[in-house]
Amino acid sequence: MDATRVCNVCGKNKRHVKFKHQYKKTCLKCETRWWRRLLRILVKERRLTPVERLANRAGYMGSGFIMMSPYLLPYDGVGAYTYILGACFSIPQVWLAKQWNIVIVNFNLLIGYGLYIFSP
């Protein structure tokens, strides 16, 4: 017995073989209309890997630490520690995205505030 599902464009109940793969929500007939095909060509379909999802979440947290750090610098240098945490959390996201200029900026943060903390 072949299961069915609903196309998100035409709203009709169709068999699974009428869809390109199991994650597709649009049936092949609706997808082959010229304007749909044009839109599908313009958008790359891909799913994030678990490592990419984890790096994105850590990157957002790192950005939050970096944004609040200037306000925490006057309080016994707590801001320097949050700068270092922010850089550590942000590096995986920009490394996976191959944004090498931001990787270098984060390494600069690590070195600069590391020297600030460990200098007498």
PDB file of N, CA and C in Angstrom:
ATOM      1  N   MET A   1       0.849  -1.179   0.000  1.00  0.00           N
ATOM      2  CA  MET A   1       0.000   0.000   0.000  1.00  0.00           C
ATOM      3  C   MET A   1       0.897   1.246   0.000  1.00  0.00           C
ATOM      4  N   ASP A   2       0.724   2.077  -0.990  1.00  0.00           N
ATOM      5  CA  ASP A   2       1.545   3.266  -1.142  1.00  0.00           C
ATOM      6  C   ASP A   2       0.901   4.429  -0.393  1.00  0.00           C
ATOM      7  N   ALA A   3       1.663   5.059   0.490  1.00  0.00           N
ATOM      8  CA  ALA A   3       1.145   6.180   1.280  1.00  0.00           C
ATOM      9  C   ALA A   3       1.038   7.421   0.403  1.00  0.00           C
ATOM     10  N   THR A   4       0.240   8.360   0.859  1.00  0.00           N
ATOM     11  CA  THR A   4       0.054   9.601   0.107  1.00  0.00           C
ATOM     12  C   THR A   4       0.432  10.785   0.982  1.00  0.00           C
ATOM     13  N   ARG A   5       0.662  11.897   0.319  1.00  0.00           N
ATOM     14  CA  ARG A   5       0.876  13.164   1.015  1.00  0.00           C
ATOM     15  C   ARG A   5       0.330  14.295   0.169  1.00  0.00           C
ATOM     16  N   VAL A   6       0.234  15.464   0.760  1.00  0.00           N
ATOM     17  CA  VAL A   6      -0.408  16.608   0.121  1.00  0.00           C
ATOM     18  C   VAL A   6       0.662  17.537  -0.456  1.00  0.00           C
ATOM     19  N   CYS A   7       0.456  17.961  -1.708  1.00  0.00           N
ATOM     20  CA  CYS A   7       1.346  18.929  -2.351  1.00  0.00           C
ATOM     21  C   CYS A   7       1.075  20.303  -1.747  1.00  0.00           C
ATOM     22  N   ASN A   8       2.139  21.055  -1.466  1.00  0.00           N
ATOM     23  CA  ASN A   8       1.949  22.359  -0.838  1.00  0.00           C
ATOM     24  C   ASN A   8       1.539  23.448  -1.834  1.00  0.00           C
ATOM     25  N   VAL A   9       1.562  23.163  -3.146  1.00  0.00           N
ATOM     26  CA  VAL A   9       1.165  24.164  -4.137  1.00  0.00           C
ATOM     27  C   VAL A   9      -0.281  23.942  -4.578  1.00  0.00           C
ATOM     28  N   CYS A  10      -0.569  22.749  -5.087  1.00  0.00           N
ATOM     29  CA  CYS A  10      -1.918  22.486  -5.601  1.00  0.00           C
ATOM     30  C   CYS A  10      -2.868  21.967  -4.522  1.00  0.00           C
ATOM     31  N   GLY A  11      -2.328  21.467  -3.420  1.00  0.00           N
ATOM     32  CA  GLY A  11      -3.169  21.001  -2.320  1.00  0.00           C
ATOM     33  C   GLY A  11      -3.801  19.647  -2.547  1.00  0.00           C
ATOM     34  N   LYS A  12      -3.390  18.929  -3.600  1.00  0.00           N
ATOM     35  CA  LYS A  12      -3.974  17.620  -3.901  1.00  0.00           C
ATOM     36  C   LYS A  12      -3.219  16.519  -3.171  1.00  0.00           C
ATOM     37  N   ASN A  13      -3.941  15.440  -2.866  1.00  0.00           N
ATOM     38  CA  ASN A  13      -3.357  14.263  -2.245  1.00  0.00           C
ATOM     39  C   ASN A  13      -2.727  13.399  -3.332  1.00  0.00           C
ATOM     40  N   LYS A  14      -1.425  13.147  -3.245  1.00  0.00           N
ATOM     41  CA  LYS A  14      -0.727  12.391  -4.288  1.00  0.00           C
ATOM     42  C   LYS A  14       0.156  11.332  -3.652  1.00  0.00           C
ATOM     43  N   ARG A  15       0.490  10.307  -4.456  1.00  0.00           N
ATOM     44  CA  ARG A  15       1.362   9.239  -3.976  1.00  0.00           C
ATOM     45  C   ARG A  15       2.789   9.763  -3.829  1.00  0.00           C
ATOM     46  N   HIS A  16       3.600   9.052  -3.021  1.00  0.00           N
ATOM     47  CA  HIS A  16       4.985   9.457  -2.784  1.00  0.00           C
ATOM     48  C   HIS A  16       5.814   9.481  -4.059  1.00  0.00           C
ATOM     49  N   VAL A  17       5.494   8.638  -5.034  1.00  0.00           N
ATOM     50  CA  VAL A  17       6.283   8.590  -6.273  1.00  0.00           C
ATOM     51  C   VAL A  17       6.088   9.848  -7.114  1.00  0.00           C
ATOM     52  N   LYS A  18       5.097  10.646  -6.813  1.00  0.00           N
ATOM     53  CA  LYS A  18       4.855  11.887  -7.545  1.00  0.00           C
ATOM     54  C   LYS A  18       5.717  13.041  -7.034  1.00  0.00           C
ATOM     55  N   PHE A  19       6.558  12.770  -6.041  1.00  0.00           N
ATOM     56  CA  PHE A  19       7.463  13.775  -5.490  1.00  0.00           C
ATOM     57  C   PHE A  19       8.895  13.379  -5.814  1.00  0.00           C
ATOM     58  N   LYS A  20       9.776  14.380  -5.940  1.00  0.00           N
ATOM     59  CA  LYS A  20      11.157  14.135  -6.337  1.00  0.00           C
ATOM     60  C   LYS A  20      11.905  13.286  -5.307  1.00  0.00           C
ATOM     61  N   HIS A  21      11.765  13.598  -4.024  1.00  0.00           N
ATOM     62  CA  HIS A  21      12.343  12.801  -2.950  1.00  0.00           C
ATOM     63  C   HIS A  21      11.513  13.001  -1.696  1.00  0.00           C
ATOM     64  N   GLN A  22      11.866  12.312  -0.627  1.00  0.00           N
ATOM     65  CA  GLN A  22      10.997  12.274   0.545  1.00  0.00           C
ATOM     66  C   GLN A  22      10.864  13.616   1.266  1.00  0.00           C
ATOM     67  N   TYR A  23      11.814  14.536   1.077  1.00  0.00           N
ATOM     68  CA  TYR A  23      11.740  15.823   1.751  1.00  0.00           C
ATOM     69  C   TYR A  23      11.041  16.896   0.923  1.00  0.00           C
ATOM     70  N   LYS A  24      10.754  16.602  -0.343  1.00  0.00           N
ATOM     71  CA  LYS A  24      10.072  17.569  -1.207  1.00  0.00           C
ATOM     72  C   LYS A  24       8.630  17.732  -0.776  1.00  0.00           C
ATOM     73  N   LYS A  25       8.147  18.961  -0.805  1.00  0.00           N
ATOM     74  CA  LYS A  25       6.760  19.228  -0.456  1.00  0.00           C
ATOM     75  C   LYS A  25       5.926  19.588  -1.680  1.00  0.00           C
ATOM     76  N   THR A  26       6.593  19.819  -2.809  1.00  0.00           N
ATOM     77  CA  THR A  26       5.914  20.176  -4.045  1.00  0.00           C
ATOM     78  C   THR A  26       5.960  18.984  -5.001  1.00  0.00           C
ATOM     79  N   CYS A  27       4.812  18.629  -5.590  1.00  0.00           N
ATOM     80  CA  CYS A  27       4.777  17.488  -6.514  1.00  0.00           C
ATOM     81  C   CYS A  27       5.506  17.844  -7.816  1.00  0.00           C
ATOM     82  N   LEU A  28       5.851  16.822  -8.581  1.00  0.00           N
ATOM     83  CA  LEU A  28       6.610  17.035  -9.814  1.00  0.00           C
ATOM     84  C   LEU A  28       5.833  17.856 -10.841  1.00  0.00           C
ATOM     85  N   LYS A  29       4.528  17.670 -10.905  1.00  0.00           N
ATOM     86  CA  LYS A  29       3.725  18.413 -11.878  1.00  0.00           C
ATOM     87  C   LYS A  29       3.748  19.919 -11.566  1.00  0.00           C
ATOM     88  N   CYS A  30       3.591  20.270 -10.307  1.00  0.00           N
ATOM     89  CA  CYS A  30       3.619  21.689  -9.939  1.00  0.00           C
ATOM     90  C   CYS A  30       5.021  22.257 -10.082  1.00  0.00           C
ATOM     91  N   GLU A  31       6.017  21.428  -9.848  1.00  0.00           N
ATOM     92  CA  GLU A  31       7.391  21.907  -9.913  1.00  0.00           C
ATOM     93  C   GLU A  31       7.859  22.138 -11.336  1.00  0.00           C
ATOM     94  N   THR A  32       7.271  21.456 -12.306  1.00  0.00           N
ATOM     95  CA  THR A  32       7.726  21.590 -13.686  1.00  0.00           C
ATOM     96  C   THR A  32       7.080  22.746 -14.434  1.00  0.00           C
ATOM     97  N   ARG A  33       6.221  23.504 -13.792  1.00  0.00           N
ATOM     98  CA  ARG A  33       5.721  24.717 -14.437  1.00  0.00           C
ATOM     99  C   ARG A  33       6.883  25.684 -14.583  1.00  0.00           C
ATOM    100  N   TRP A  34       6.894  26.464 -15.641  1.00  0.00           N
ATOM    101  CA  TRP A  34       8.092  27.224 -15.996  1.00  0.00           C
ATOM    102  C   TRP A  34       8.530  28.209 -14.919  1.00  0.00           C
ATOM    103  N   TRP A  35       7.575  28.870 -14.241  1.00  0.00           N
ATOM    104  CA  TRP A  35       7.991  29.835 -13.237  1.00  0.00           C
ATOM    105  C   TRP A  35       8.516  29.125 -11.986  1.00  0.00           C
ATOM    106  N   ARG A  36       7.947  27.968 -11.659  1.00  0.00           N
ATOM    107  CA  ARG A  36       8.451  27.188 -10.527  1.00  0.00           C
ATOM    108  C   ARG A  36       9.843  26.656 -10.834  1.00  0.00           C
ATOM    109  N   ARG A  37      10.025  26.181 -12.057  1.00  0.00           N
ATOM    110  CA  ARG A  37      11.334  25.660 -12.451  1.00  0.00           C
ATOM    111  C   ARG A  37      12.383  26.774 -12.382  1.00  0.00           C
ATOM    112  N   LEU A  38      12.027  27.978 -12.821  1.00  0.00           N
ATOM    113  CA  LEU A  38      12.946  29.100 -12.757  1.00  0.00           C
ATOM    114  C   LEU A  38      13.326  29.410 -11.307  1.00  0.00           C
ATOM    115  N   LEU A  39      12.334  29.405 -10.417  1.00  0.00           N
ATOM    116  CA  LEU A  39      12.621  29.662  -9.009  1.00  0.00           C
ATOM    117  C   LEU A  39      13.489  28.563  -8.408  1.00  0.00           C
ATOM    118  N   ARG A  40      13.231  27.309  -8.776  1.00  0.00           N
ATOM    119  CA  ARG A  40      14.031  26.192  -8.258  1.00  0.00           C
ATOM    120  C   ARG A  40      15.472  26.266  -8.743  1.00  0.00           C
ATOM    121  N   ILE A  41      15.683  26.746  -9.957  1.00  0.00           N
ATOM    122  CA  ILE A  41      17.041  26.879 -10.489  1.00  0.00           C
ATOM    123  C   ILE A  41      17.804  27.953  -9.723  1.00  0.00           C
ATOM    124  N   LEU A  42      17.106  29.022  -9.322  1.00  0.00           N
ATOM    125  CA  LEU A  42      17.751  30.137  -8.650  1.00  0.00           C
ATOM    126  C   LEU A  42      18.113  29.843  -7.190  1.00  0.00           C
ATOM    127  N   VAL A  43      17.467  28.857  -6.575  1.00  0.00           N
ATOM    128  CA  VAL A  43      17.703  28.546  -5.169  1.00  0.00           C
ATOM    129  C   VAL A  43      18.380  27.192  -5.041  1.00  0.00           C
ATOM    130  N   LYS A  44      19.484  27.151  -4.323  1.00  0.00           N
ATOM    131  CA  LYS A  44      20.183  25.898  -4.087  1.00  0.00           C
ATOM    132  C   LYS A  44      19.537  25.202  -2.897  1.00  0.00           C
ATOM    133  N   GLU A  45      19.138  23.966  -3.083  1.00  0.00           N
ATOM    134  CA  GLU A  45      18.478  23.225  -2.025  1.00  0.00           C
ATOM    135  C   GLU A  45      19.507  22.400  -1.257  1.00  0.00           C
ATOM    136  N   ARG A  46      19.661  22.718   0.012  1.00  0.00           N
ATOM    137  CA  ARG A  46      20.563  21.936   0.843  1.00  0.00           C
ATOM    138  C   ARG A  46      20.154  22.053   2.293  1.00  0.00           C
ATOM    139  N   ARG A  47      20.540  21.063   3.070  1.00  0.00           N
ATOM    140  CA  ARG A  47      20.257  21.075   4.501  1.00  0.00           C
ATOM    141  C   ARG A  47      21.557  21.255   5.251  1.00  0.00           C
ATOM    142  N   LEU A  48      21.503  21.932   6.379  1.00  0.00           N
ATOM    143  CA  LEU A  48      22.693  22.127   7.191  1.00  0.00           C
ATOM    144  C   LEU A  48      23.036  20.833   7.924  1.00  0.00           C
ATOM    145  N   THR A  49      24.321  20.555   8.020  1.00  0.00           N
ATOM    146  CA  THR A  49      24.770  19.404   8.789  1.00  0.00           C
ATOM    147  C   THR A  49      24.693  19.751  10.273  1.00  0.00           C
ATOM    148  N   PRO A  50      24.709  18.742  11.140  1.00  0.00           N
ATOM    149  CA  PRO A  50      24.678  19.046  12.583  1.00  0.00           C
ATOM    150  C   PRO A  50      25.842  19.923  13.034  1.00  0.00           C
ATOM    151  N   VAL A  51      27.014  19.736  12.443  1.00  0.00           N
ATOM    152  CA  VAL A  51      28.172  20.566  12.807  1.00  0.00           C
ATOM    153  C   VAL A  51      27.920  22.012  12.425  1.00  0.00           C
ATOM    154  N   GLU A  52      27.333  22.250  11.239  1.00  0.00           N
ATOM    155  CA  GLU A  52      27.035  23.621  10.807  1.00  0.00           C
ATOM    156  C   GLU A  52      25.986  24.270  11.701  1.00  0.00           C
ATOM    157  N   ARG A  53      24.969  23.501  12.108  1.00  0.00           N
ATOM    158  CA  ARG A  53      23.946  24.053  12.998  1.00  0.00           C
ATOM    159  C   ARG A  53      24.542  24.428  14.354  1.00  0.00           C
ATOM    160  N   LEU A  54      25.390  23.546  14.888  1.00  0.00           N
ATOM    161  CA  LEU A  54      26.024  23.822  16.174  1.00  0.00           C
ATOM    162  C   LEU A  54      26.955  25.029  16.079  1.00  0.00           C
ATOM    163  N   ALA A  55      27.717  25.126  14.986  1.00  0.00           N
ATOM    164  CA  ALA A  55      28.623  26.259  14.803  1.00  0.00           C
ATOM    165  C   ALA A  55      27.836  27.559  14.669  1.00  0.00           C
ATOM    166  N   ASN A  56      26.703  27.539  13.996  1.00  0.00           N
ATOM    167  CA  ASN A  56      25.880  28.748  13.870  1.00  0.00           C
ATOM    168  C   ASN A  56      25.374  29.216  15.228  1.00  0.00           C
ATOM    169  N   ARG A  57      24.905  28.283  16.038  1.00  0.00           N
ATOM    170  CA  ARG A  57      24.397  28.671  17.360  1.00  0.00           C
ATOM    171  C   ARG A  57      25.514  29.205  18.248  1.00  0.00           C
ATOM    172  N   ALA A  58      26.668  28.547  18.201  1.00  0.00           N
ATOM    173  CA  ALA A  58      27.811  29.029  18.987  1.00  0.00           C
ATOM    174  C   ALA A  58      28.264  30.396  18.486  1.00  0.00           C
ATOM    175  N   GLY A  59      28.212  30.610  17.176  1.00  0.00           N
ATOM    176  CA  GLY A  59      28.600  31.898  16.608  1.00  0.00           C
ATOM    177  C   GLY A  59      27.697  33.027  17.061  1.00  0.00           C
ATOM    178  N   TYR A  60      26.398  32.765  17.153  1.00  0.00           N
ATOM    179  CA  TYR A  60      25.479  33.794  17.652  1.00  0.00           C
ATOM    180  C   TYR A  60      25.774  34.116  19.115  1.00  0.00           C
ATOM    181  N   MET A  61      26.070  33.089  19.896  1.00  0.00           N
ATOM    182  CA  MET A  61      26.406  33.317  21.291  1.00  0.00           C
ATOM    183  C   MET A  61      27.707  34.109  21.401  1.00  0.00           C
ATOM    184  N   GLY A  62      28.696  33.779  20.571  1.00  0.00           N
ATOM    185  CA  GLY A  62      29.955  34.509  20.566  1.00  0.00           C
ATOM    186  C   GLY A  62      29.768  35.961  20.174  1.00  0.00           C
ATOM    187  N   SER A  63      28.902  36.203  19.203  1.00  0.00           N
ATOM    188  CA  SER A  63      28.623  37.589  18.804  1.00  0.00           C
ATOM    189  C   SER A  63      27.995  38.371  19.952  1.00  0.00           C
ATOM    190  N   GLY A  64      27.136  37.709  20.709  1.00  0.00           N
ATOM    191  CA  GLY A  64      26.539  38.360  21.880  1.00  0.00           C
ATOM    192  C   GLY A  64      27.580  38.735  22.918  1.00  0.00           C
ATOM    193  N   PHE A  65      28.533  37.816  23.161  1.00  0.00           N
ATOM    194  CA  PHE A  65      29.615  38.122  24.102  1.00  0.00           C
ATOM    195  C   PHE A  65      30.453  39.295  23.611  1.00  0.00           C
ATOM    196  N   ILE A  66      30.770  39.300  22.315  1.00  0.00           N
ATOM    197  CA  ILE A  66      31.591  40.389  21.769  1.00  0.00           C
ATOM    198  C   ILE A  66      30.851  41.722  21.847  1.00  0.00           C
ATOM    199  N   MET A  67      29.533  41.705  21.621  1.00  0.00           N
ATOM    200  CA  MET A  67      28.767  42.957  21.666  1.00  0.00           C
ATOM    201  C   MET A  67      28.681  43.543  23.075  1.00  0.00           C
ATOM    202  N   MET A  68      28.616  42.679  24.103  1.00  0.00           N
ATOM    203  CA  MET A  68      28.471  43.221  25.460  1.00  0.00           C
ATOM    204  C   MET A  68      29.821  43.505  26.121  1.00  0.00           C
ATOM    205  N   SER A  69      30.910  43.051  25.531  1.00  0.00           N
ATOM    206  CA  SER A  69      32.231  43.183  26.156  1.00  0.00           C
ATOM    207  C   SER A  69      32.699  44.619  26.376  1.00  0.00           C
ATOM    208  N   PRO A  70      32.506  45.556  25.457  1.00  0.00           N
ATOM    209  CA  PRO A  70      32.992  46.928  25.728  1.00  0.00           C
ATOM    210  C   PRO A  70      32.369  47.550  26.968  1.00  0.00           C
ATOM    211  N   TYR A  71      31.139  47.156  27.279  1.00  0.00           N
ATOM    212  CA  TYR A  71      30.461  47.718  28.438  1.00  0.00           C
ATOM    213  C   TYR A  71      30.945  47.090  29.738  1.00  0.00           C
ATOM    214  N   LEU A  72      31.582  45.915  29.653  1.00  0.00           N
ATOM    215  CA  LEU A  72      32.059  45.214  30.846  1.00  0.00           C
ATOM    216  C   LEU A  72      33.543  45.452  31.129  1.00  0.00           C
ATOM    217  N   LEU A  73      34.270  46.106  30.227  1.00  0.00           N
ATOM    218  CA  LEU A  73      35.698  46.355  30.431  1.00  0.00           C
ATOM    219  C   LEU A  73      36.012  47.144  31.706  1.00  0.00           C
ATOM    220  N   PRO A  74      35.221  48.157  32.083  1.00  0.00           N
ATOM    221  CA  PRO A  74      35.558  48.913  33.297  1.00  0.00           C
ATOM    222  C   PRO A  74      35.445  48.095  34.590  1.00  0.00           C
ATOM    223  N   TYR A  75      34.725  46.985  34.588  1.00  0.00           N
ATOM    224  CA  TYR A  75      34.501  46.207  35.801  1.00  0.00           C
ATOM    225  C   TYR A  75      35.592  45.158  35.989  1.00  0.00           C
ATOM    226  N   ASP A  76      36.755  45.566  36.459  1.00  0.00           N
ATOM    227  CA  ASP A  76      37.896  44.683  36.744  1.00  0.00           C
ATOM    228  C   ASP A  76      38.283  43.824  35.553  1.00  0.00           C
ATOM    229  N   GLY A  77      38.104  44.313  34.354  1.00  0.00           N
ATOM    230  CA  GLY A  77      38.531  43.592  33.155  1.00  0.00           C
ATOM    231  C   GLY A  77      37.667  42.399  32.789  1.00  0.00           C
ATOM    232  N   VAL A  78      36.436  42.332  33.285  1.00  0.00           N
ATOM    233  CA  VAL A  78      35.539  41.228  32.935  1.00  0.00           C
ATOM    234  C   VAL A  78      35.288  41.209  31.433  1.00  0.00           C
ATOM    235  N   GLY A  79      35.274  42.382  30.827  1.00  0.00           N
ATOM    236  CA  GLY A  79      35.046  42.480  29.390  1.00  0.00           C
ATOM    237  C   GLY A  79      36.113  41.774  28.578  1.00  0.00           C
ATOM    238  N   ALA A  80      37.347  41.740  29.080  1.00  0.00           N
ATOM    239  CA  ALA A  80      38.417  41.036  28.363  1.00  0.00           C
ATOM    240  C   ALA A  80      38.130  39.544  28.311  1.00  0.00           C
ATOM    241  N   TYR A  81      37.625  38.998  29.407  1.00  0.00           N
ATOM    242  CA  TYR A  81      37.281  37.571  29.423  1.00  0.00           C
ATOM    243  C   TYR A  81      36.115  37.274  28.472  1.00  0.00           C
ATOM    244  N   THR A  82      35.131  38.172  28.441  1.00  0.00           N
ATOM    245  CA  THR A  82      34.005  37.942  27.533  1.00  0.00           C
ATOM    246  C   THR A  82      34.423  38.135  26.075  1.00  0.00           C
ATOM    247  N   TYR A  83      35.404  39.023  25.819  1.00  0.00           N
ATOM    248  CA  TYR A  83      35.946  39.135  24.461  1.00  0.00           C
ATOM    249  C   TYR A  83      36.573  37.813  24.030  1.00  0.00           C
ATOM    250  N   ILE A  84      37.350  37.202  24.928  1.00  0.00           N
ATOM    251  CA  ILE A  84      38.011  35.932  24.596  1.00  0.00           C
ATOM    252  C   ILE A  84      36.979  34.825  24.386  1.00  0.00           C
ATOM    253  N   LEU A  85      35.976  34.766  25.256  1.00  0.00           N
ATOM    254  CA  LEU A  85      34.904  33.771  25.068  1.00  0.00           C
ATOM    255  C   LEU A  85      34.182  33.989  23.742  1.00  0.00           C
ATOM    256  N   GLY A  86      33.866  35.234  23.440  1.00  0.00           N
ATOM    257  CA  GLY A  86      33.173  35.550  22.190  1.00  0.00           C
ATOM    258  C   GLY A  86      33.976  35.142  20.973  1.00  0.00           C
ATOM    259  N   ALA A  87      35.275  35.396  21.001  1.00  0.00           N
ATOM    260  CA  ALA A  87      36.130  35.006  19.873  1.00  0.00           C
ATOM    261  C   ALA A  87      36.183  33.494  19.739  1.00  0.00           C
ATOM    262  N   CYS A  88      36.309  32.781  20.859  1.00  0.00           N
ATOM    263  CA  CYS A  88      36.357  31.308  20.822  1.00  0.00           C
ATOM    264  C   CYS A  88      35.061  30.726  20.269  1.00  0.00           C
ATOM    265  N   PHE A  89      33.914  31.312  20.659  1.00  0.00           N
ATOM    266  CA  PHE A  89      32.632  30.806  20.172  1.00  0.00           C
ATOM    267  C   PHE A  89      32.371  31.178  18.716  1.00  0.00           C
ATOM    268  N   SER A  90      32.922  32.286  18.252  1.00  0.00           N
ATOM    269  CA  SER A  90      32.661  32.754  16.891  1.00  0.00           C
ATOM    270  C   SER A  90      33.539  32.080  15.837  1.00  0.00           C
ATOM    271  N   ILE A  91      34.720  31.628  16.220  1.00  0.00           N
ATOM    272  CA  ILE A  91      35.653  31.064  15.237  1.00  0.00           C
ATOM    273  C   ILE A  91      35.079  29.877  14.468  1.00  0.00           C
ATOM    274  N   PRO A  92      34.419  28.885  15.106  1.00  0.00           N
ATOM    275  CA  PRO A  92      33.914  27.752  14.306  1.00  0.00           C
ATOM    276  C   PRO A  92      32.913  28.164  13.217  1.00  0.00           C
ATOM    277  N   GLN A  93      32.056  29.123  13.519  1.00  0.00           N
ATOM    278  CA  GLN A  93      31.062  29.548  12.535  1.00  0.00           C
ATOM    279  C   GLN A  93      31.723  30.177  11.317  1.00  0.00           C
ATOM    280  N   VAL A  94      32.659  31.088  11.544  1.00  0.00           N
ATOM    281  CA  VAL A  94      33.280  31.772  10.409  1.00  0.00           C
ATOM    282  C   VAL A  94      34.284  30.869   9.702  1.00  0.00           C
ATOM    283  N   TRP A  95      34.835  29.897  10.413  1.00  0.00           N
ATOM    284  CA  TRP A  95      35.752  28.935   9.787  1.00  0.00           C
ATOM    285  C   TRP A  95      34.980  28.058   8.806  1.00  0.00           C
ATOM    286  N   LEU A  96      33.816  27.549   9.215  1.00  0.00           N
ATOM    287  CA  LEU A  96      33.016  26.702   8.323  1.00  0.00           C
ATOM    288  C   LEU A  96      32.459  27.495   7.146  1.00  0.00           C
ATOM    289  N   ALA A  97      32.183  28.780   7.365  1.00  0.00           N
ATOM    290  CA  ALA A  97      31.679  29.626   6.284  1.00  0.00           C
ATOM    291  C   ALA A  97      32.803  30.136   5.388  1.00  0.00           C
ATOM    292  N   LYS A  98      34.042  29.822   5.754  1.00  0.00           N
ATOM    293  CA  LYS A  98      35.238  30.237   5.003  1.00  0.00           C
ATOM    294  C   LYS A  98      35.327  31.751   4.867  1.00  0.00           C
ATOM    295  N   GLN A  99      35.010  32.441   5.953  1.00  0.00           N
ATOM    296  CA  GLN A  99      35.147  33.896   5.997  1.00  0.00           C
ATOM    297  C   GLN A  99      36.467  34.209   6.702  1.00  0.00           C
ATOM    298  N   TRP A 100      37.536  34.079   5.944  1.00  0.00           N
ATOM    299  CA  TRP A 100      38.878  34.104   6.525  1.00  0.00           C
ATOM    300  C   TRP A 100      39.236  35.443   7.136  1.00  0.00           C
ATOM    301  N   ASN A 101      38.701  36.537   6.619  1.00  0.00           N
ATOM    302  CA  ASN A 101      39.002  37.839   7.215  1.00  0.00           C
ATOM    303  C   ASN A 101      38.466  37.932   8.641  1.00  0.00           C
ATOM    304  N   ILE A 102      37.305  37.375   8.895  1.00  0.00           N
ATOM    305  CA  ILE A 102      36.733  37.418  10.241  1.00  0.00           C
ATOM    306  C   ILE A 102      37.439  36.416  11.149  1.00  0.00           C
ATOM    307  N   VAL A 103      37.923  35.309  10.591  1.00  0.00           N
ATOM    308  CA  VAL A 103      38.736  34.372  11.381  1.00  0.00           C
ATOM    309  C   VAL A 103      39.983  35.089  11.893  1.00  0.00           C
ATOM    310  N   ILE A 104      40.619  35.863  11.023  1.00  0.00           N
ATOM    311  CA  ILE A 104      41.826  36.603  11.417  1.00  0.00           C
ATOM    312  C   ILE A 104      41.491  37.644  12.478  1.00  0.00           C
ATOM    313  N   VAL A 105      40.357  38.321  12.345  1.00  0.00           N
ATOM    314  CA  VAL A 105      39.949  39.302  13.353  1.00  0.00           C
ATOM    315  C   VAL A 105      39.726  38.621  14.704  1.00  0.00           C
ATOM    316  N   ASN A 106      39.107  37.435  14.695  1.00  0.00           N
ATOM    317  CA  ASN A 106      38.879  36.716  15.953  1.00  0.00           C
ATOM    318  C   ASN A 106      40.187  36.239  16.573  1.00  0.00           C
ATOM    319  N   PHE A 107      41.128  35.787  15.758  1.00  0.00           N
ATOM    320  CA  PHE A 107      42.433  35.410  16.299  1.00  0.00           C
ATOM    321  C   PHE A 107      43.146  36.639  16.868  1.00  0.00           C
ATOM    322  N   ASN A 108      42.973  37.775  16.227  1.00  0.00           N
ATOM    323  CA  ASN A 108      43.541  39.017  16.743  1.00  0.00           C
ATOM    324  C   ASN A 108      42.934  39.350  18.109  1.00  0.00           C
ATOM    325  N   LEU A 109      41.627  39.152  18.260  1.00  0.00           N
ATOM    326  CA  LEU A 109      40.974  39.348  19.558  1.00  0.00           C
ATOM    327  C   LEU A 109      41.576  38.430  20.612  1.00  0.00           C
ATOM    328  N   LEU A 110      41.752  37.154  20.253  1.00  0.00           N
ATOM    329  CA  LEU A 110      42.310  36.189  21.199  1.00  0.00           C
ATOM    330  C   LEU A 110      43.712  36.594  21.648  1.00  0.00           C
ATOM    331  N   ILE A 111      44.549  36.961  20.704  1.00  0.00           N
ATOM    332  CA  ILE A 111      45.930  37.324  21.035  1.00  0.00           C
ATOM    333  C   ILE A 111      45.971  38.625  21.835  1.00  0.00           C
ATOM    334  N   GLY A 112      45.253  39.633  21.370  1.00  0.00           N
ATOM    335  CA  GLY A 112      45.287  40.936  22.030  1.00  0.00           C
ATOM    336  C   GLY A 112      44.772  40.895  23.455  1.00  0.00           C
ATOM    337  N   TYR A 113      43.593  40.322  23.663  1.00  0.00           N
ATOM    338  CA  TYR A 113      43.047  40.293  25.016  1.00  0.00           C
ATOM    339  C   TYR A 113      43.694  39.211  25.862  1.00  0.00           C
ATOM    340  N   GLY A 114      44.288  38.191  25.241  1.00  0.00           N
ATOM    341  CA  GLY A 114      45.082  37.226  25.995  1.00  0.00           C
ATOM    342  C   GLY A 114      46.302  37.893  26.597  1.00  0.00           C
ATOM    343  N   LEU A 115      46.986  38.720  25.816  1.00  0.00           N
ATOM    344  CA  LEU A 115      48.123  39.478  26.335  1.00  0.00           C
ATOM    345  C   LEU A 115      47.698  40.481  27.401  1.00  0.00           C
ATOM    346  N   TYR A 116      46.513  41.067  27.210  1.00  0.00           N
ATOM    347  CA  TYR A 116      45.988  42.031  28.189  1.00  0.00           C
ATOM    348  C   TYR A 116      45.743  41.350  29.539  1.00  0.00           C
ATOM    349  N   ILE A 117      45.214  40.139  29.520  1.00  0.00           N
ATOM    350  CA  ILE A 117      44.897  39.422  30.757  1.00  0.00           C
ATOM    351  C   ILE A 117      46.162  38.900  31.436  1.00  0.00           C
ATOM    352  N   PHE A 118      47.073  38.321  30.656  1.00  0.00           N
ATOM    353  CA  PHE A 118      48.237  37.654  31.233  1.00  0.00           C
ATOM    354  C   PHE A 118      49.443  38.556  31.432  1.00  0.00           C
ATOM    355  N   SER A 119      49.351  39.820  31.054  1.00  0.00           N
ATOM    356  CA  SER A 119      50.479  40.723  31.298  1.00  0.00           C
ATOM    357  C   SER A 119      50.402  41.251  32.728  1.00  0.00           C
ATOM    358  N   PRO A 120      51.561  41.481  33.362  1.00  0.00           N
ATOM    359  CA  PRO A 120      51.552  41.921  34.774  1.00  0.00           C
ATOM    360  C   PRO A 120      51.092  43.317  34.964  1.00  0.00           C
TER     361      PRO A 120
END
